[in-house]
Amino acid sequence: MADGANAELEDALTQASTPDSSSSISCVSALDALYYCYTPRNQITNYYRFGTVDPCSEALQTAMFCLSCKWKWIKDPVLAKELWQEHKVKTRKFDKHVWELKGNTDQAS
């Protein structure tokens, strides 16, 4: 995924990286984020901002990792939760500006 992906996709990926505290891992948010990534709105926004379409590799990687954790959950729930928490830390997003900010242009002299 290109730098500075739109906020909705970031939110969806963040939710996908947050495991449910219930007895099993849910991949619905990760699959929703993957679906959103391939929507025309996201692709057009990415093309407008960066000049390329979004390959959705990060969303795909998160969805695949979630599904693999879900399968590991059957054998070892503790290991699956630990892996999911590590993935959450590794894929944490920080807010990035899409446009460069202008410096102080105070010319009121």
N, C-alpha and C. Protein backbone atom coordinates (compact mmCIF):
# COMPACT_ATOMS: atom_id res chain seq x y z
N MET A 1 0.84 -1.16 0.00
CA MET A 1 0.00 0.00 0.00
C MET A 1 0.89 1.23 0.00
N ALA A 2 0.48 2.25 -0.70
CA ALA A 2 1.27 3.46 -0.82
C ALA A 2 1.25 4.23 0.51
N ASP A 3 2.27 5.09 0.70
CA ASP A 3 2.34 5.91 1.90
C ASP A 3 1.14 6.85 1.95
N GLY A 4 0.64 7.09 3.15
CA GLY A 4 -0.44 8.05 3.34
C GLY A 4 -1.79 7.56 2.86
N ALA A 5 -2.07 6.29 2.99
CA ALA A 5 -3.37 5.75 2.57
C ALA A 5 -4.47 6.47 3.32
N ASN A 6 -5.68 6.50 2.76
CA ASN A 6 -6.73 7.32 3.36
C ASN A 6 -7.13 6.82 4.74
N ALA A 7 -7.73 7.71 5.49
CA ALA A 7 -8.02 7.46 6.90
C ALA A 7 -8.99 6.30 7.12
N GLU A 8 -9.95 6.11 6.24
CA GLU A 8 -10.90 5.01 6.43
C GLU A 8 -10.21 3.66 6.35
N LEU A 9 -9.30 3.52 5.41
CA LEU A 9 -8.57 2.26 5.29
C LEU A 9 -7.67 2.06 6.51
N GLU A 10 -7.04 3.14 6.97
CA GLU A 10 -6.20 3.06 8.16
C GLU A 10 -7.02 2.61 9.37
N ASP A 11 -8.21 3.19 9.53
CA ASP A 11 -9.07 2.80 10.64
C ASP A 11 -9.48 1.34 10.55
N ALA A 12 -9.83 0.91 9.35
CA ALA A 12 -10.24 -0.48 9.16
C ALA A 12 -9.09 -1.43 9.48
N LEU A 13 -7.87 -1.07 9.05
CA LEU A 13 -6.72 -1.93 9.34
C LEU A 13 -6.40 -1.93 10.83
N THR A 14 -6.57 -0.79 11.48
CA THR A 14 -6.34 -0.73 12.91
C THR A 14 -7.33 -1.62 13.65
N GLN A 15 -8.59 -1.55 13.25
CA GLN A 15 -9.59 -2.42 13.87
C GLN A 15 -9.29 -3.88 13.58
N ALA A 16 -8.80 -4.17 12.39
CA ALA A 16 -8.48 -5.55 12.04
C ALA A 16 -7.30 -6.05 12.85
N SER A 17 -6.42 -5.15 13.26
CA SER A 17 -5.25 -5.55 14.03
C SER A 17 -5.53 -5.60 15.52
N THR A 18 -6.75 -5.32 15.93
CA THR A 18 -7.11 -5.34 17.33
C THR A 18 -7.93 -6.59 17.63
N PRO A 19 -7.33 -7.57 18.30
CA PRO A 19 -8.08 -8.80 18.55
C PRO A 19 -9.19 -8.59 19.55
N ASP A 20 -10.23 -9.34 19.37
CA ASP A 20 -11.36 -9.31 20.28
C ASP A 20 -10.94 -9.97 21.58
N SER A 21 -11.40 -9.46 22.70
CA SER A 21 -11.04 -10.05 23.98
C SER A 21 -11.90 -11.27 24.30
N SER A 22 -12.78 -11.65 23.39
CA SER A 22 -13.62 -12.81 23.62
C SER A 22 -12.80 -14.09 23.44
N SER A 23 -13.48 -15.21 23.36
CA SER A 23 -12.78 -16.50 23.36
C SER A 23 -12.15 -16.86 22.03
N SER A 24 -12.45 -16.15 20.94
CA SER A 24 -11.82 -16.48 19.66
C SER A 24 -11.46 -15.20 18.91
N ILE A 25 -10.69 -15.36 17.85
CA ILE A 25 -10.25 -14.24 17.03
C ILE A 25 -11.23 -14.08 15.87
N SER A 26 -11.66 -12.84 15.63
CA SER A 26 -12.57 -12.55 14.53
C SER A 26 -11.80 -11.84 13.41
N CYS A 27 -12.00 -12.30 12.20
CA CYS A 27 -11.30 -11.71 11.04
C CYS A 27 -12.23 -10.85 10.20
N VAL A 28 -13.39 -10.53 10.70
CA VAL A 28 -14.35 -9.75 9.93
C VAL A 28 -13.78 -8.38 9.58
N SER A 29 -13.17 -7.70 10.55
CA SER A 29 -12.61 -6.37 10.29
C SER A 29 -11.48 -6.43 9.27
N ALA A 30 -10.65 -7.45 9.35
CA ALA A 30 -9.55 -7.59 8.40
C ALA A 30 -10.08 -7.83 6.99
N LEU A 31 -11.11 -8.64 6.87
CA LEU A 31 -11.70 -8.90 5.55
C LEU A 31 -12.45 -7.68 5.03
N ASP A 32 -13.08 -6.91 5.93
CA ASP A 32 -13.73 -5.67 5.53
C ASP A 32 -12.69 -4.67 5.00
N ALA A 33 -11.55 -4.58 5.68
CA ALA A 33 -10.48 -3.68 5.24
C ALA A 33 -9.95 -4.09 3.86
N LEU A 34 -9.83 -5.39 3.65
CA LEU A 34 -9.37 -5.89 2.35
C LEU A 34 -10.39 -5.56 1.27
N TYR A 35 -11.66 -5.76 1.56
CA TYR A 35 -12.72 -5.45 0.60
C TYR A 35 -12.72 -3.95 0.27
N TYR A 36 -12.62 -3.10 1.30
CA TYR A 36 -12.60 -1.66 1.09
C TYR A 36 -11.41 -1.23 0.23
N CYS A 37 -10.29 -1.88 0.44
CA CYS A 37 -9.09 -1.52 -0.31
C CYS A 37 -9.30 -1.64 -1.81
N TYR A 38 -10.07 -2.63 -2.23
CA TYR A 38 -10.29 -2.86 -3.66
C TYR A 38 -11.47 -2.06 -4.23
N THR A 39 -12.14 -1.25 -3.40
CA THR A 39 -13.27 -0.48 -3.91
C THR A 39 -12.79 0.63 -4.84
N PRO A 40 -13.64 1.02 -5.79
CA PRO A 40 -13.26 2.11 -6.69
C PRO A 40 -12.92 3.41 -5.95
N ARG A 41 -13.63 3.69 -4.86
CA ARG A 41 -13.35 4.92 -4.12
C ARG A 41 -11.91 4.94 -3.61
N ASN A 42 -11.46 3.88 -2.99
CA ASN A 42 -10.10 3.83 -2.49
C ASN A 42 -9.09 3.88 -3.62
N GLN A 43 -9.36 3.15 -4.70
CA GLN A 43 -8.42 3.12 -5.82
C GLN A 43 -8.31 4.48 -6.50
N ILE A 44 -9.43 5.16 -6.69
CA ILE A 44 -9.41 6.48 -7.32
C ILE A 44 -8.71 7.50 -6.41
N THR A 45 -8.99 7.44 -5.12
CA THR A 45 -8.33 8.33 -4.17
C THR A 45 -6.83 8.13 -4.20
N ASN A 46 -6.40 6.88 -4.19
CA ASN A 46 -4.98 6.58 -4.22
C ASN A 46 -4.34 7.05 -5.53
N TYR A 47 -5.05 6.86 -6.63
CA TYR A 47 -4.54 7.29 -7.93
C TYR A 47 -4.43 8.82 -7.99
N TYR A 48 -5.40 9.51 -7.42
CA TYR A 48 -5.39 10.97 -7.39
C TYR A 48 -4.22 11.48 -6.55
N ARG A 49 -4.01 10.88 -5.40
CA ARG A 49 -2.98 11.36 -4.48
C ARG A 49 -1.57 10.98 -4.91
N PHE A 50 -1.39 9.74 -5.40
CA PHE A 50 -0.04 9.24 -5.62
C PHE A 50 0.27 8.87 -7.07
N GLY A 51 -0.75 8.84 -7.92
CA GLY A 51 -0.51 8.54 -9.33
C GLY A 51 -0.43 7.05 -9.64
N THR A 52 -0.75 6.21 -8.67
CA THR A 52 -0.76 4.76 -8.88
C THR A 52 -1.96 4.16 -8.17
N VAL A 53 -2.38 3.00 -8.63
CA VAL A 53 -3.45 2.30 -7.93
C VAL A 53 -2.86 1.60 -6.71
N ASP A 54 -3.70 1.33 -5.75
CA ASP A 54 -3.28 0.70 -4.49
C ASP A 54 -3.24 -0.81 -4.69
N PRO A 55 -2.08 -1.45 -4.51
CA PRO A 55 -2.02 -2.91 -4.67
C PRO A 55 -2.66 -3.68 -3.51
N CYS A 56 -3.00 -2.99 -2.43
CA CYS A 56 -3.67 -3.58 -1.26
C CYS A 56 -2.86 -4.69 -0.60
N SER A 57 -1.56 -4.64 -0.73
CA SER A 57 -0.73 -5.71 -0.16
C SER A 57 -0.78 -5.72 1.37
N GLU A 58 -0.85 -4.54 1.98
CA GLU A 58 -0.90 -4.51 3.45
C GLU A 58 -2.21 -5.07 3.97
N ALA A 59 -3.32 -4.71 3.33
CA ALA A 59 -4.62 -5.23 3.75
C ALA A 59 -4.70 -6.74 3.53
N LEU A 60 -4.14 -7.20 2.42
CA LEU A 60 -4.12 -8.64 2.13
C LEU A 60 -3.26 -9.38 3.15
N GLN A 61 -2.11 -8.80 3.48
CA GLN A 61 -1.23 -9.43 4.46
C GLN A 61 -1.91 -9.52 5.83
N THR A 62 -2.61 -8.46 6.23
CA THR A 62 -3.30 -8.48 7.52
C THR A 62 -4.41 -9.52 7.53
N ALA A 63 -5.18 -9.61 6.45
CA ALA A 63 -6.26 -10.60 6.37
C ALA A 63 -5.70 -12.02 6.41
N MET A 64 -4.63 -12.26 5.66
CA MET A 64 -4.03 -13.60 5.65
C MET A 64 -3.46 -13.95 7.02
N PHE A 65 -2.83 -12.97 7.68
CA PHE A 65 -2.27 -13.22 9.00
C PHE A 65 -3.38 -13.52 10.00
N CYS A 66 -4.48 -12.79 9.90
CA CYS A 66 -5.61 -13.04 10.78
C CYS A 66 -6.16 -14.45 10.60
N LEU A 67 -6.31 -14.86 9.34
CA LEU A 67 -6.82 -16.21 9.08
C LEU A 67 -5.85 -17.28 9.57
N SER A 68 -4.55 -17.03 9.44
CA SER A 68 -3.58 -18.01 9.94
C SER A 68 -3.63 -18.08 11.47
N CYS A 69 -3.82 -16.93 12.13
CA CYS A 69 -3.96 -16.94 13.60
C CYS A 69 -5.23 -17.67 14.01
N LYS A 70 -6.27 -17.50 13.22
CA LYS A 70 -7.53 -18.19 13.53
C LYS A 70 -7.34 -19.71 13.47
N TRP A 71 -6.57 -20.18 12.49
CA TRP A 71 -6.30 -21.62 12.42
C TRP A 71 -5.40 -22.08 13.56
N LYS A 72 -4.44 -21.23 13.94
CA LYS A 72 -3.57 -21.58 15.07
C LYS A 72 -4.35 -21.56 16.37
N TRP A 73 -5.42 -20.75 16.43
CA TRP A 73 -6.24 -20.65 17.62
C TRP A 73 -6.81 -22.01 18.01
N ILE A 74 -7.12 -22.83 17.02
CA ILE A 74 -7.70 -24.14 17.27
C ILE A 74 -6.72 -25.01 18.05
N LYS A 75 -5.43 -24.92 17.68
CA LYS A 75 -4.42 -25.76 18.33
C LYS A 75 -3.88 -25.14 19.61
N ASP A 76 -3.56 -23.85 19.58
CA ASP A 76 -2.95 -23.20 20.73
C ASP A 76 -3.44 -21.75 20.85
N PRO A 77 -4.50 -21.51 21.62
CA PRO A 77 -5.06 -20.17 21.72
C PRO A 77 -4.09 -19.12 22.28
N VAL A 78 -3.24 -19.52 23.21
CA VAL A 78 -2.31 -18.57 23.82
C VAL A 78 -1.29 -18.09 22.78
N LEU A 79 -0.74 -19.01 22.01
CA LEU A 79 0.21 -18.66 20.95
C LEU A 79 -0.43 -17.76 19.91
N ALA A 80 -1.66 -18.05 19.54
CA ALA A 80 -2.36 -17.25 18.53
C ALA A 80 -2.55 -15.82 19.02
N LYS A 81 -2.95 -15.63 20.27
CA LYS A 81 -3.12 -14.28 20.81
C LYS A 81 -1.80 -13.53 20.87
N GLU A 82 -0.72 -14.22 21.25
CA GLU A 82 0.59 -13.58 21.29
C GLU A 82 1.03 -13.14 19.90
N LEU A 83 0.86 -13.99 18.91
CA LEU A 83 1.20 -13.64 17.53
C LEU A 83 0.38 -12.45 17.05
N TRP A 84 -0.90 -12.44 17.38
CA TRP A 84 -1.78 -11.36 16.96
C TRP A 84 -1.36 -10.04 17.60
N GLN A 85 -0.98 -10.07 18.89
CA GLN A 85 -0.51 -8.86 19.57
C GLN A 85 0.79 -8.34 18.95
N GLU A 86 1.72 -9.25 18.64
CA GLU A 86 2.97 -8.85 17.99
C GLU A 86 2.69 -8.22 16.63
N HIS A 87 1.77 -8.79 15.88
CA HIS A 87 1.40 -8.25 14.57
C HIS A 87 0.81 -6.86 14.72
N LYS A 88 0.00 -6.67 15.74
CA LYS A 88 -0.62 -5.37 15.99
C LYS A 88 0.44 -4.30 16.24
N VAL A 89 1.47 -4.64 17.00
CA VAL A 89 2.54 -3.69 17.28
C VAL A 89 3.36 -3.40 16.03
N LYS A 90 3.65 -4.42 15.24
CA LYS A 90 4.46 -4.25 14.03
C LYS A 90 3.76 -3.41 12.98
N THR A 91 2.46 -3.54 12.85
CA THR A 91 1.72 -2.86 11.79
C THR A 91 1.04 -1.59 12.26
N ARG A 92 1.41 -1.10 13.42
CA ARG A 92 0.80 0.12 13.95
C ARG A 92 1.07 1.27 12.99
N LYS A 93 0.04 2.05 12.76
CA LYS A 93 0.12 3.17 11.83
C LYS A 93 0.27 4.48 12.60
N PHE A 94 1.02 5.37 12.01
CA PHE A 94 1.14 6.72 12.54
C PHE A 94 0.55 7.66 11.50
N ASP A 95 -0.08 8.70 11.98
CA ASP A 95 -0.70 9.66 11.06
C ASP A 95 0.37 10.33 10.21
N LYS A 96 0.11 10.37 8.92
CA LYS A 96 1.01 11.03 7.99
C LYS A 96 0.20 12.07 7.23
N HIS A 97 0.81 13.17 6.96
CA HIS A 97 0.16 14.20 6.16
C HIS A 97 0.28 13.82 4.69
N VAL A 98 -0.79 14.03 3.96
CA VAL A 98 -0.77 13.76 2.54
C VAL A 98 -0.02 14.88 1.82
N TRP A 99 -0.27 16.11 2.25
CA TRP A 99 0.35 17.27 1.62
C TRP A 99 1.43 17.81 2.56
N GLU A 100 2.45 18.41 1.98
CA GLU A 100 3.48 19.04 2.79
C GLU A 100 2.94 20.35 3.34
N LEU A 101 3.22 20.62 4.61
CA LEU A 101 2.73 21.84 5.24
C LEU A 101 3.66 23.00 4.89
N LYS A 102 3.09 24.16 4.67
CA LYS A 102 3.88 25.34 4.37
C LYS A 102 4.43 25.89 5.68
N GLY A 103 5.57 26.52 5.58
CA GLY A 103 6.18 27.16 6.75
C GLY A 103 5.42 28.42 7.11
N ASN A 104 5.84 29.09 8.16
CA ASN A 104 5.20 30.32 8.60
C ASN A 104 5.41 31.39 7.55
N THR A 105 4.35 31.87 6.97
CA THR A 105 4.43 32.89 5.92
C THR A 105 3.84 34.22 6.40
N ASP A 106 4.17 34.58 7.62
CA ASP A 106 3.66 35.81 8.21
C ASP A 106 4.40 36.99 7.60
N GLN A 107 3.71 37.74 6.73
CA GLN A 107 4.31 38.87 6.04
C GLN A 107 3.59 40.17 6.40
N ALA A 108 3.08 40.24 7.60
CA ALA A 108 2.32 41.43 8.01
C ALA A 108 3.25 42.47 8.61
N SER A 109 4.25 42.93 7.88
CA SER A 109 5.16 43.95 8.40
C SER A 109 4.83 45.30 7.85
